[in-house]
PDB file of N, CA and C in Angstrom:
ATOM      1  N   UNK A   1      17.309  24.010 -23.185  1.00  0.00           N
ATOM      2  CA  UNK A   1      16.109  23.799 -22.315  1.00  0.00           C
ATOM      3  C   UNK A   1      16.259  22.515 -21.405  1.00  0.00           C
ATOM      4  N   UNK A   2      15.733  22.643 -20.030  1.00  0.00           N
ATOM      5  CA  UNK A   2      16.305  22.072 -19.252  1.00  0.00           C
ATOM      6  C   UNK A   2      14.930  20.416 -18.811  1.00  0.00           C
ATOM      7  N   UNK A   3      15.085  19.496 -18.610  1.00  0.00           N
ATOM      8  CA  UNK A   3      14.160  18.406 -18.090  1.00  0.00           C
ATOM      9  C   UNK A   3      14.584  17.988 -16.596  1.00  0.00           C
ATOM     10  N   UNK A   4      13.871  17.912 -15.564  1.00  0.00           N
ATOM     11  CA  UNK A   4      14.285  17.782 -13.784  1.00  0.00           C
ATOM     12  C   UNK A   4      13.290  16.956 -13.740  1.00  0.00           C
ATOM     13  N   UNK A   5      13.316  16.677 -12.334  1.00  0.00           N
ATOM     14  CA  UNK A   5      11.817  16.229 -11.625  1.00  0.00           C
ATOM     15  C   UNK A   5      11.786  17.014 -10.622  1.00  0.00           C
ATOM     16  N   UNK A   6      10.695  17.735  -9.941  1.00  0.00           N
ATOM     17  CA  UNK A   6      10.755  18.423  -9.269  1.00  0.00           C
ATOM     18  C   UNK A   6       9.389  17.495  -8.066  1.00  0.00           C
ATOM     19  N   UNK A   7       9.780  17.595  -6.818  1.00  0.00           N
ATOM     20  CA  UNK A   7       8.016  17.577  -5.868  1.00  0.00           C
ATOM     21  C   UNK A   7       7.449  18.497  -5.354  1.00  0.00           C
ATOM     22  N   UNK A   8       6.352  18.373  -5.205  1.00  0.00           N
ATOM     23  CA  UNK A   8       5.192  19.678  -4.894  1.00  0.00           C
ATOM     24  C   UNK A   8       4.737  18.502  -3.848  1.00  0.00           C
ATOM     25  N   UNK A   9       4.694  18.734  -2.567  1.00  0.00           N
ATOM     26  CA  UNK A   9       4.163  18.210  -1.646  1.00  0.00           C
ATOM     27  C   UNK A   9       2.590  19.330  -1.031  1.00  0.00           C
ATOM     28  N   UNK A  10       1.379  18.686  -1.308  1.00  0.00           N
ATOM     29  CA  UNK A  10       0.253  19.275  -1.341  1.00  0.00           C
ATOM     30  C   UNK A  10      -0.572  18.163  -0.203  1.00  0.00           C
ATOM     31  N   UNK A  11      -1.135  19.628   0.457  1.00  0.00           N
ATOM     32  CA  UNK A  11      -1.780  19.059   1.974  1.00  0.00           C
ATOM     33  C   UNK A  11      -3.413  19.261   1.531  1.00  0.00           C
ATOM     34  N   UNK A  12      -4.013  18.183   1.631  1.00  0.00           N
ATOM     35  CA  UNK A  12      -4.982  17.981   1.619  1.00  0.00           C
ATOM     36  C   UNK A  12      -5.684  17.528   2.857  1.00  0.00           C
ATOM     37  N   UNK A  13      -7.014  18.424   3.358  1.00  0.00           N
ATOM     38  CA  UNK A  13      -7.588  17.851   4.426  1.00  0.00           C
ATOM     39  C   UNK A  13      -8.902  17.267   4.389  1.00  0.00           C
ATOM     40  N   UNK A  14      -9.089  16.282   4.830  1.00  0.00           N
ATOM     41  CA  UNK A  14     -10.525  15.340   4.603  1.00  0.00           C
ATOM     42  C   UNK A  14     -11.366  15.009   5.327  1.00  0.00           C
ATOM     43  N   UNK A  15     -12.985  15.088   5.052  1.00  0.00           N
ATOM     44  CA  UNK A  15     -13.764  13.920   6.505  1.00  0.00           C
ATOM     45  C   UNK A  15     -13.920  12.908   5.847  1.00  0.00           C
ATOM     46  N   UNK A  16     -13.975  11.843   6.530  1.00  0.00           N
ATOM     47  CA  UNK A  16     -14.126  10.443   5.445  1.00  0.00           C
ATOM     48  C   UNK A  16     -14.943   9.591   6.937  1.00  0.00           C
ATOM     49  N   UNK A  17     -15.876   8.973   5.922  1.00  0.00           N
ATOM     50  CA  UNK A  17     -16.488   7.691   6.330  1.00  0.00           C
ATOM     51  C   UNK A  17     -15.787   6.546   6.973  1.00  0.00           C
ATOM     52  N   UNK A  18     -14.600   6.334   6.534  1.00  0.00           N
ATOM     53  CA  UNK A  18     -13.555   5.273   6.683  1.00  0.00           C
ATOM     54  C   UNK A  18     -13.238   5.484   8.160  1.00  0.00           C
ATOM     55  N   UNK A  19     -13.194   4.321   8.640  1.00  0.00           N
ATOM     56  CA  UNK A  19     -12.498   4.641   9.968  1.00  0.00           C
ATOM     57  C   UNK A  19     -11.188   4.279   9.842  1.00  0.00           C
ATOM     58  N   UNK A  20     -10.570   3.888   9.122  1.00  0.00           N
ATOM     59  CA  UNK A  20      -8.670   3.981   9.391  1.00  0.00           C
ATOM     60  C   UNK A  20      -8.478   4.750   8.196  1.00  0.00           C
ATOM     61  N   UNK A  21      -7.319   5.624   8.211  1.00  0.00           N
ATOM     62  CA  UNK A  21      -6.910   6.814   7.389  1.00  0.00           C
ATOM     63  C   UNK A  21      -6.279   6.022   6.160  1.00  0.00           C
ATOM     64  N   UNK A  22      -6.106   5.121   5.997  1.00  0.00           N
ATOM     65  CA  UNK A  22      -5.342   4.354   5.415  1.00  0.00           C
ATOM     66  C   UNK A  22      -6.316   4.050   3.971  1.00  0.00           C
ATOM     67  N   UNK A  23      -7.390   3.938   4.455  1.00  0.00           N
ATOM     68  CA  UNK A  23      -8.476   3.168   3.727  1.00  0.00           C
ATOM     69  C   UNK A  23      -9.166   4.642   2.853  1.00  0.00           C
ATOM     70  N   UNK A  24      -8.815   5.497   3.538  1.00  0.00           N
ATOM     71  CA  UNK A  24      -9.025   7.339   2.927  1.00  0.00           C
ATOM     72  C   UNK A  24      -8.371   7.318   1.786  1.00  0.00           C
ATOM     73  N   UNK A  25      -6.633   7.410   1.942  1.00  0.00           N
ATOM     74  CA  UNK A  25      -6.195   7.493   1.353  1.00  0.00           C
ATOM     75  C   UNK A  25      -5.669   6.685   0.160  1.00  0.00           C
ATOM     76  N   UNK A  26      -6.087   5.194   0.672  1.00  0.00           N
ATOM     77  CA  UNK A  26      -6.075   4.854  -0.910  1.00  0.00           C
ATOM     78  C   UNK A  26      -6.883   4.499  -2.113  1.00  0.00           C
ATOM     79  N   UNK A  27      -8.459   5.358  -1.259  1.00  0.00           N
ATOM     80  CA  UNK A  27      -9.149   5.799  -2.276  1.00  0.00           C
ATOM     81  C   UNK A  27      -8.837   6.985  -3.055  1.00  0.00           C
ATOM     82  N   UNK A  28      -8.297   7.890  -2.450  1.00  0.00           N
ATOM     83  CA  UNK A  28      -7.797   8.812  -2.895  1.00  0.00           C
ATOM     84  C   UNK A  28      -6.288   8.619  -4.037  1.00  0.00           C
ATOM     85  N   UNK A  29      -5.978   7.999  -3.931  1.00  0.00           N
ATOM     86  CA  UNK A  29      -4.871   8.008  -4.398  1.00  0.00           C
ATOM     87  C   UNK A  29      -5.106   6.858  -5.782  1.00  0.00           C
ATOM     88  N   UNK A  30      -6.047   6.423  -5.692  1.00  0.00           N
ATOM     89  CA  UNK A  30      -6.737   5.493  -6.560  1.00  0.00           C
ATOM     90  C   UNK A  30      -7.818   6.302  -7.525  1.00  0.00           C
ATOM     91  N   UNK A  31      -8.232   7.230  -7.093  1.00  0.00           N
ATOM     92  CA  UNK A  31      -9.673   7.492  -7.254  1.00  0.00           C
ATOM     93  C   UNK A  31      -9.817   8.898  -8.043  1.00  0.00           C
ATOM     94  N   UNK A  32      -9.037   9.915  -7.128  1.00  0.00           N
ATOM     95  CA  UNK A  32      -9.057  11.027  -7.567  1.00  0.00           C
ATOM     96  C   UNK A  32      -8.374  11.781  -9.129  1.00  0.00           C
ATOM     97  N   UNK A  33      -9.244  13.057  -9.084  1.00  0.00           N
ATOM     98  CA  UNK A  33      -8.577  13.613 -10.376  1.00  0.00           C
ATOM     99  C   UNK A  33      -8.266  14.820  -9.786  1.00  0.00           C
ATOM    100  N   UNK A  34      -6.769  15.338 -10.577  1.00  0.00           N
ATOM    101  CA  UNK A  34      -5.863  16.412  -9.946  1.00  0.00           C
ATOM    102  C   UNK A  34      -5.349  17.205 -11.288  1.00  0.00           C
ATOM    103  N   UNK A  35      -5.475  18.241 -11.433  1.00  0.00           N
ATOM    104  CA  UNK A  35      -4.366  18.787 -12.650  1.00  0.00           C
ATOM    105  C   UNK A  35      -3.466  19.896 -11.843  1.00  0.00           C
ATOM    106  N   UNK A  36      -2.187  19.376 -12.562  1.00  0.00           N
ATOM    107  CA  UNK A  36      -1.281  20.602 -12.434  1.00  0.00           C
ATOM    108  C   UNK A  36      -1.092  21.193 -13.590  1.00  0.00           C
ATOM    109  N   UNK A  37      -1.136  22.464 -14.241  1.00  0.00           N
ATOM    110  CA  UNK A  37      -0.838  22.784 -15.243  1.00  0.00           C
ATOM    111  C   UNK A  37       0.377  23.466 -15.683  1.00  0.00           C
ATOM    112  N   UNK A  38       0.650  23.438 -16.704  1.00  0.00           N
ATOM    113  CA  UNK A  38       1.899  24.482 -17.285  1.00  0.00           C
ATOM    114  C   UNK A  38       1.770  25.675 -17.055  1.00  0.00           C
ATOM    115  N   UNK A  39       2.827  26.731 -16.885  1.00  0.00           N
ATOM    116  CA  UNK A  39       3.164  27.845 -16.629  1.00  0.00           C
ATOM    117  C   UNK A  39       3.641  28.914 -18.249  1.00  0.00           C
ATOM    118  N   UNK A  40       3.755  29.574 -18.236  1.00  0.00           N
ATOM    119  CA  UNK A  40       4.447  30.602 -19.483  1.00  0.00           C
ATOM    120  C   UNK A  40       5.642  30.045 -19.503  1.00  0.00           C
ATOM    121  N   UNK A  41       6.391  29.524 -18.236  1.00  0.00           N
ATOM    122  CA  UNK A  41       8.227  29.187 -18.608  1.00  0.00           C
ATOM    123  C   UNK A  41       7.618  27.835 -18.089  1.00  0.00           C
ATOM    124  N   UNK A  42       7.155  26.864 -17.580  1.00  0.00           N
ATOM    125  CA  UNK A  42       7.785  25.747 -17.342  1.00  0.00           C
ATOM    126  C   UNK A  42       6.450  24.846 -18.062  1.00  0.00           C
ATOM    127  N   UNK A  43       6.492  23.920 -18.680  1.00  0.00           N
ATOM    128  CA  UNK A  43       6.136  22.860 -19.197  1.00  0.00           C
ATOM    129  C   UNK A  43       5.518  21.311 -18.449  1.00  0.00           C
ATOM    130  N   UNK A  44       4.754  21.222 -17.861  1.00  0.00           N
ATOM    131  CA  UNK A  44       4.456  20.006 -17.116  1.00  0.00           C
ATOM    132  C   UNK A  44       4.206  18.784 -18.021  1.00  0.00           C
ATOM    133  N   UNK A  45       5.511  17.756 -17.677  1.00  0.00           N
ATOM    134  CA  UNK A  45       5.515  16.771 -18.716  1.00  0.00           C
ATOM    135  C   UNK A  45       4.007  15.687 -18.281  1.00  0.00           C
ATOM    136  N   UNK A  46       4.954  15.690 -16.635  1.00  0.00           N
ATOM    137  CA  UNK A  46       3.696  14.524 -16.311  1.00  0.00           C
ATOM    138  C   UNK A  46       3.643  14.384 -14.698  1.00  0.00           C
ATOM    139  N   UNK A  47       2.866  13.774 -14.215  1.00  0.00           N
ATOM    140  CA  UNK A  47       2.186  13.748 -12.763  1.00  0.00           C
ATOM    141  C   UNK A  47       1.556  12.641 -12.630  1.00  0.00           C
ATOM    142  N   UNK A  48       2.194  12.091 -10.837  1.00  0.00           N
ATOM    143  CA  UNK A  48       1.703  11.253 -10.371  1.00  0.00           C
ATOM    144  C   UNK A  48       1.879  10.988  -8.910  1.00  0.00           C
ATOM    145  N   UNK A  49       0.999  10.619  -8.523  1.00  0.00           N
ATOM    146  CA  UNK A  49       0.217  10.501  -6.685  1.00  0.00           C
ATOM    147  C   UNK A  49       1.829   9.437  -6.302  1.00  0.00           C
ATOM    148  N   UNK A  50       2.118  10.110  -5.383  1.00  0.00           N
ATOM    149  CA  UNK A  50       3.252   9.262  -5.355  1.00  0.00           C
ATOM    150  C   UNK A  50       2.424   8.757  -3.817  1.00  0.00           C
ATOM    151  N   UNK A  51       2.329   7.476  -3.522  1.00  0.00           N
ATOM    152  CA  UNK A  51       1.571   6.151  -2.574  1.00  0.00           C
ATOM    153  C   UNK A  51       2.530   5.991  -1.624  1.00  0.00           C
ATOM    154  N   UNK A  52       2.078   6.722  -0.128  1.00  0.00           N
ATOM    155  CA  UNK A  52       2.763   6.238   0.893  1.00  0.00           C
ATOM    156  C   UNK A  52       2.858   5.484   1.527  1.00  0.00           C
ATOM    157  N   UNK A  53       3.648   4.754   2.704  1.00  0.00           N
ATOM    158  CA  UNK A  53       3.902   3.765   3.087  1.00  0.00           C
ATOM    159  C   UNK A  53       3.246   3.721   4.068  1.00  0.00           C
ATOM    160  N   UNK A  54       1.623   3.130   4.064  1.00  0.00           N
ATOM    161  CA  UNK A  54       0.665   2.921   4.974  1.00  0.00           C
ATOM    162  C   UNK A  54       0.966   2.646   6.221  1.00  0.00           C
ATOM    163  N   UNK A  55       1.830   1.595   6.000  1.00  0.00           N
ATOM    164  CA  UNK A  55       2.324   0.936   6.870  1.00  0.00           C
ATOM    165  C   UNK A  55       2.606   1.724   8.661  1.00  0.00           C
ATOM    166  N   UNK A  56       3.411   2.838   7.988  1.00  0.00           N
ATOM    167  CA  UNK A  56       4.352   3.251   8.664  1.00  0.00           C
ATOM    168  C   UNK A  56       3.187   4.732   9.371  1.00  0.00           C
ATOM    169  N   UNK A  57       2.430   4.763   8.779  1.00  0.00           N
ATOM    170  CA  UNK A  57       1.469   5.681   8.933  1.00  0.00           C
ATOM    171  C   UNK A  57       0.762   5.014   9.791  1.00  0.00           C
ATOM    172  N   UNK A  58       0.139   3.939   9.952  1.00  0.00           N
ATOM    173  CA  UNK A  58      -0.628   3.129  10.999  1.00  0.00           C
ATOM    174  C   UNK A  58       0.002   3.441  12.428  1.00  0.00           C
ATOM    175  N   UNK A  59       1.347   2.956  12.061  1.00  0.00           N
ATOM    176  CA  UNK A  59       1.991   2.538  13.412  1.00  0.00           C
ATOM    177  C   UNK A  59       2.446   4.274  13.787  1.00  0.00           C
ATOM    178  N   UNK A  60       2.312   5.442  13.524  1.00  0.00           N
ATOM    179  CA  UNK A  60       2.447   6.842  13.739  1.00  0.00           C
ATOM    180  C   UNK A  60       0.897   6.680  14.443  1.00  0.00           C
ATOM    181  N   UNK A  61       0.099   6.680  14.443  1.00  0.00           N
ATOM    182  CA  UNK A  61      -1.232   7.327  14.857  1.00  0.00           C
ATOM    183  C   UNK A  61      -2.468   5.819  14.645  1.00  0.00           C
ATOM    184  N   UNK A  62      -1.907   5.030  14.528  1.00  0.00           N
ATOM    185  CA  UNK A  62      -3.214   3.884  14.538  1.00  0.00           C
ATOM    186  C   UNK A  62      -3.972   3.828  14.165  1.00  0.00           C
ATOM    187  N   UNK A  63      -3.815   4.948  12.563  1.00  0.00           N
ATOM    188  CA  UNK A  63      -4.667   4.794  11.400  1.00  0.00           C
ATOM    189  C   UNK A  63      -5.917   5.569  11.502  1.00  0.00           C
ATOM    190  N   UNK A  64      -6.252   6.169  12.681  1.00  0.00           N
ATOM    191  CA  UNK A  64      -7.471   7.264  12.925  1.00  0.00           C
ATOM    192  C   UNK A  64      -6.969   8.538  13.103  1.00  0.00           C
ATOM    193  N   UNK A  65      -7.965   9.375  13.073  1.00  0.00           N
ATOM    194  CA  UNK A  65      -7.993  10.594  13.718  1.00  0.00           C
ATOM    195  C   UNK A  65      -9.332  11.403  14.108  1.00  0.00           C
ATOM    196  N   UNK A  66      -9.296  11.908  14.629  1.00  0.00           N
ATOM    197  CA  UNK A  66     -10.431  12.675  14.880  1.00  0.00           C
ATOM    198  C   UNK A  66     -10.864  13.439  13.970  1.00  0.00           C
TER     199      UNK A  66
END
């Protein structure tokens, strides 16, 4: 059996009351619940949300979207 790390990028479309997108991201990173289950041939051992560099995001789009 082989053990390795893979990265699955998940697109999440949101609508938020926050003025700055990084506040919404912080809330999702810390409070959201998600499930990535095992399959017949792949056992999921661990998952985590990778926190993004919010300062870089803010430089790219001023932290707001319409």
